[in-house]
Amino acid sequence: MEIQGKIIAILPQRSGTSKTGNAWKSQDFVIETHDQYARKMCFNVWGDRIDQFNIQEGEELTVSFDIDCREWNGKWFNDIRAWKIERTPAGMAQGAPIEPFSAPSAPNFPPTDQKDDLPF
């Protein structure tokens, strides 16, 4: 899945050691869309991708992510994990400007004295 928007918050990085003795680190980010009714979503980045993506507050991004769910002590938690980040060019953040529609003017035909066979 993908979402496009602006990074509005960067939460503190967390780290620790797994049961198997491997070190881990994770960081959460909040992105806000530019829809008519803006939506916010918190996603996380794990491991070396934190440094690789180098996400900064205020950046316009397209985030590709997977959604997973896990159980802990009888409670269920959603996990939204980013696996690809693309910088959005500044002009594309809000979308291309929409040109107003203008109907073409009706052609001017010279008046004729001939009768049409049309009923209208």
Protein backbone atom coordinates (compact mmCIF):
# COMPACT_ATOMS: atom_id res chain seq x y z
CA MET A 1 0.00 0.00 0.00
CA GLU A 2 1.02 3.61 -0.46
CA ILE A 3 0.27 6.95 1.11
CA GLN A 4 1.48 10.39 0.05
CA GLY A 5 1.80 13.41 2.31
CA LYS A 6 3.92 15.55 4.56
CA ILE A 7 5.86 14.36 7.61
CA ILE A 8 4.42 16.28 10.57
CA ALA A 9 6.07 14.45 13.51
CA ILE A 10 9.12 12.31 14.21
CA LEU A 11 8.90 10.28 17.40
CA PRO A 12 11.95 9.24 19.46
CA GLN A 13 13.91 6.22 18.30
CA ARG A 14 13.54 3.03 20.37
CA SER A 15 16.10 0.25 20.63
CA GLY A 16 16.73 -2.92 22.54
CA THR A 17 17.88 -6.52 22.41
CA SER A 18 15.69 -9.40 21.25
CA LYS A 19 15.27 -12.71 23.11
CA THR A 20 17.89 -14.20 20.79
CA GLY A 21 20.41 -11.46 21.69
CA ASN A 22 20.14 -9.43 18.48
CA ALA A 23 20.10 -5.64 18.73
CA TRP A 24 17.13 -3.84 17.16
CA LYS A 25 15.98 -0.25 16.63
CA SER A 26 12.73 1.30 15.46
CA GLN A 27 11.39 4.82 14.88
CA ASP A 28 7.86 6.09 14.30
CA PHE A 29 6.84 8.91 11.95
CA VAL A 30 3.50 10.66 11.40
CA ILE A 31 2.44 11.59 7.87
CA GLU A 32 -0.52 13.80 6.92
CA THR A 33 -2.24 13.55 3.53
CA HIS A 34 -3.33 16.47 1.38
CA ASP A 35 -6.86 15.14 0.79
CA GLN A 36 -9.90 17.37 1.24
CA TYR A 37 -10.25 15.79 4.70
CA ALA A 38 -6.62 15.31 5.69
CA ARG A 39 -5.76 11.98 7.29
CA LYS A 40 -2.84 11.26 9.60
CA MET A 41 -1.07 7.93 9.88
CA CYS A 42 1.74 6.76 12.13
CA PHE A 43 4.16 4.32 10.49
CA ASN A 44 7.44 2.82 11.67
CA VAL A 45 10.81 2.11 10.15
CA TRP A 46 13.07 -0.65 11.47
CA GLY A 47 16.81 -1.20 11.60
CA ASP A 48 19.29 0.27 9.12
CA ARG A 49 16.46 1.74 7.04
CA ILE A 50 16.11 4.52 9.62
CA ASP A 51 19.48 5.93 8.54
CA GLN A 52 19.00 4.91 4.90
CA PHE A 53 15.67 6.78 4.54
CA ASN A 54 16.85 9.79 6.61
CA ILE A 55 13.31 11.16 6.99
CA GLN A 56 13.06 14.82 8.02
CA GLU A 57 10.08 16.73 9.41
CA GLY A 58 8.28 18.77 6.73
CA GLU A 59 9.34 16.50 3.84
CA GLU A 60 6.84 15.46 1.18
CA LEU A 61 7.01 11.68 0.79
CA THR A 62 5.33 8.71 -0.80
CA VAL A 63 5.50 5.85 1.71
CA SER A 64 5.05 2.21 0.68
CA PHE A 65 4.13 0.07 3.66
CA ASP A 66 2.78 -3.26 4.89
CA ILE A 67 0.14 -3.65 7.60
CA ASP A 68 0.41 -6.48 10.11
CA CYS A 69 -1.24 -7.25 13.42
CA ARG A 70 0.18 -8.91 16.52
CA GLU A 71 -1.16 -10.07 19.87
CA TRP A 72 0.42 -9.31 23.24
CA ASN A 73 -1.15 -10.13 26.61
CA GLY A 74 -4.57 -10.65 25.06
CA LYS A 75 -4.53 -7.31 23.20
CA TRP A 76 -4.10 -6.79 19.47
CA PHE A 77 -1.89 -4.11 17.92
CA ASN A 78 -1.55 -2.94 14.32
CA ASP A 79 1.92 -2.55 12.89
CA ILE A 80 2.35 -0.27 9.85
CA ARG A 81 5.89 -0.82 8.61
CA ALA A 82 7.44 1.24 5.78
CA TRP A 83 9.58 -0.67 3.30
CA LYS A 84 10.13 2.04 0.67
CA ILE A 85 10.28 5.84 0.83
CA GLU A 86 10.24 8.16 -2.20
CA ARG A 87 10.78 11.91 -2.00
CA THR A 88 7.92 13.76 -3.70
CA PRO A 89 8.94 16.72 -5.88
CA ALA A 90 7.70 19.99 -4.36
CA GLY A 91 5.36 20.78 -7.24
CA MET A 92 3.69 17.38 -7.05
CA ALA A 93 2.85 17.55 -3.35
CA GLN A 94 -0.51 19.20 -3.80
CA GLY A 95 -1.05 17.79 -7.29
CA ALA A 96 -0.87 19.65 -10.55
CA PRO A 97 -2.97 22.81 -10.73
CA ILE A 98 -6.32 22.21 -12.35
CA GLU A 99 -7.20 24.51 -15.22
CA PRO A 100 -10.78 25.80 -15.10
CA PHE A 101 -13.05 24.40 -17.78
CA SER A 102 -14.27 26.86 -20.37
CA ALA A 103 -16.77 25.71 -22.96
CA PRO A 104 -15.96 26.69 -26.55
CA SER A 105 -18.14 29.45 -27.91
CA ALA A 106 -20.85 28.56 -30.40
CA PRO A 107 -19.92 29.18 -34.04
CA ASN A 108 -21.50 32.14 -35.82
CA PHE A 109 -23.26 30.92 -38.95
CA PRO A 110 -24.58 33.44 -41.44
CA PRO A 111 -28.37 33.65 -41.34
CA THR A 112 -30.15 31.62 -43.99
CA ASP A 113 -33.68 31.87 -45.27
CA GLN A 114 -34.00 28.18 -45.98
CA LYS A 115 -36.37 26.14 -43.85
CA ASP A 116 -35.07 23.05 -42.10
CA ASP A 117 -36.95 19.79 -42.07
CA LEU A 118 -36.00 19.27 -38.45
CA PRO A 119 -38.85 19.21 -35.90
CA PHE A 120 -36.96 21.30 -33.39
